[in-house]
Protein backbone atom coordinates (compact mmCIF):
# COMPACT_ATOMS: atom_id res chain seq x y z
CA UNK A 1 14.07 73.54 110.49
CA UNK A 2 11.96 76.65 110.91
CA UNK A 3 8.79 77.65 109.14
CA UNK A 4 5.72 75.26 109.12
CA UNK A 5 5.69 72.47 111.81
CA UNK A 6 3.81 69.30 111.31
CA UNK A 7 1.80 69.94 114.47
CA UNK A 8 -0.01 73.06 113.05
CA UNK A 9 -0.28 72.90 109.40
CA UNK A 10 -1.82 75.93 107.52
CA UNK A 11 -5.00 75.83 105.57
CA UNK A 12 -4.38 76.41 101.82
CA UNK A 13 -7.96 77.33 101.42
CA UNK A 14 -7.89 80.07 104.01
CA UNK A 15 -4.87 81.51 102.29
CA UNK A 16 -6.64 81.39 98.92
CA UNK A 17 -9.67 83.05 100.42
CA UNK A 18 -7.56 85.87 101.67
CA UNK A 19 -5.59 86.48 98.50
CA UNK A 20 -8.81 86.38 96.42
CA UNK A 21 -10.22 88.96 98.87
CA UNK A 22 -7.36 91.23 98.19
CA UNK A 23 -7.85 90.63 94.51
CA UNK A 24 -11.49 91.74 94.70
CA UNK A 25 -10.30 95.05 96.34
CA UNK A 26 -7.63 95.58 93.40
CA UNK A 27 -9.95 94.48 90.61
CA UNK A 28 -12.86 96.82 92.10
CA UNK A 29 -10.38 99.78 92.27
CA UNK A 30 -8.94 99.27 88.75
CA UNK A 31 -12.33 98.79 87.14
CA UNK A 32 -13.64 101.77 88.81
CA UNK A 33 -10.88 103.96 87.63
CA UNK A 34 -11.18 102.69 84.15
CA UNK A 35 -14.96 103.29 84.24
CA UNK A 36 -14.43 106.77 85.56
CA UNK A 37 -11.88 107.51 82.79
CA UNK A 38 -14.37 106.45 80.16
CA UNK A 39 -17.33 108.20 81.68
CA UNK A 40 -15.34 111.61 81.86
CA UNK A 41 -14.72 111.48 78.21
CA UNK A 42 -18.37 110.98 77.26
CA UNK A 43 -20.33 114.30 76.67
CA UNK A 44 -23.82 113.14 75.82
CA UNK A 45 -25.87 112.56 79.15
CA UNK A 46 -28.04 109.65 77.44
CA UNK A 47 -24.72 107.92 76.40
CA UNK A 48 -23.31 108.56 79.63
CA UNK A 49 -25.83 106.63 81.65
CA UNK A 50 -25.78 103.77 79.06
CA UNK A 51 -22.09 103.62 79.22
CA UNK A 52 -22.34 103.85 83.10
CA UNK A 53 -24.55 100.76 83.21
CA UNK A 54 -22.51 98.65 80.78
CA UNK A 55 -19.38 99.40 82.79
CA UNK A 56 -20.89 98.78 86.21
CA UNK A 57 -22.29 95.44 84.79
CA UNK A 58 -18.72 94.48 83.74
CA UNK A 59 -17.50 95.34 87.16
CA UNK A 60 -20.22 93.42 88.82
CA UNK A 61 -19.55 90.24 86.86
CA UNK A 62 -15.74 90.37 87.44
CA UNK A 63 -15.67 91.62 91.04
CA UNK A 64 -18.70 89.29 91.83
CA UNK A 65 -17.03 86.32 90.29
CA UNK A 66 -13.71 86.73 92.18
CA UNK A 67 -15.86 87.42 95.39
CA UNK A 68 -17.75 84.19 94.92
CA UNK A 69 -14.44 82.25 94.60
CA UNK A 70 -13.10 84.02 97.74
CA UNK A 71 -16.18 83.27 99.59
CA UNK A 72 -16.13 79.54 98.53
CA UNK A 73 -12.54 79.24 99.54
CA UNK A 74 -13.17 80.97 102.79
CA UNK A 75 -15.92 78.59 103.68
CA UNK A 76 -13.65 75.59 102.78
CA UNK A 77 -11.05 77.28 104.90
CA UNK A 78 -13.43 77.47 107.80
CA UNK A 79 -14.29 73.79 107.52
CA UNK A 80 -10.45 72.99 107.41
CA UNK A 81 -9.73 74.89 110.45
CA UNK A 82 -12.82 74.10 112.56
CA UNK A 83 -11.26 71.53 114.79
CA UNK A 84 -8.15 73.64 115.55
CA UNK A 85 -5.77 71.14 113.76
CA UNK A 86 -5.08 73.70 110.99
CA UNK A 87 -4.15 77.31 111.32
CA UNK A 88 -5.23 80.61 109.59
CA UNK A 89 -9.00 80.64 110.47
CA UNK A 90 -8.79 84.43 110.84
CA UNK A 91 -7.61 84.59 107.19
CA UNK A 92 -10.54 82.54 105.87
CA UNK A 93 -12.99 84.93 107.84
CA UNK A 94 -11.11 88.07 106.67
CA UNK A 95 -11.44 86.86 103.05
CA UNK A 96 -15.13 86.10 103.41
CA UNK A 97 -15.74 89.51 105.06
CA UNK A 98 -13.76 91.59 102.36
CA UNK A 99 -15.30 89.61 99.50
CA UNK A 100 -18.90 89.95 100.78
CA UNK A 101 -18.46 93.53 101.56
CA UNK A 102 -17.19 94.38 98.08
CA UNK A 103 -19.66 92.08 96.39
CA UNK A 104 -22.52 94.09 98.24
CA UNK A 105 -20.91 97.48 97.33
CA UNK A 106 -20.64 96.46 93.66
CA UNK A 107 -24.27 95.11 93.54
CA UNK A 108 -25.49 98.30 95.15
CA UNK A 109 -23.50 100.39 92.63
CA UNK A 110 -25.15 98.58 89.79
CA UNK A 111 -28.67 98.95 91.08
CA UNK A 112 -28.07 102.65 91.87
CA UNK A 113 -26.59 103.24 88.33
CA UNK A 114 -29.41 101.24 86.57
CA UNK A 115 -32.12 103.24 88.53
CA UNK A 116 -30.54 106.50 87.59
CA UNK A 117 -30.28 105.48 84.08
CA UNK A 118 -33.97 104.50 83.98
CA UNK A 119 -35.02 107.80 85.61
CA UNK A 120 -33.26 110.02 83.02
């Protein structure tokens, strides 16, 4: 028969958490590359910092939303796998860790950009 057995079903929430965690990484990379491209084309320093704050805010909302979904799915996956009846507990933990790390990095980037914008 192969594949999944009835004795050890897999947690759908854990799988979703890991996939969303990977999506957080991809979304962060794409939005950062787009932001860099826009910022390189801006010549005026005042406009540069305003655009940087707007672009970092958009990245924070998008990446933060996906990270929140990954963390929620990871927590659900941890609950599903707590008694050992379901597999992929490590996937839930990895999804939570990756999403949390990138959410913190994105929030830190927004705070740093806003602070630099206010200081200039």
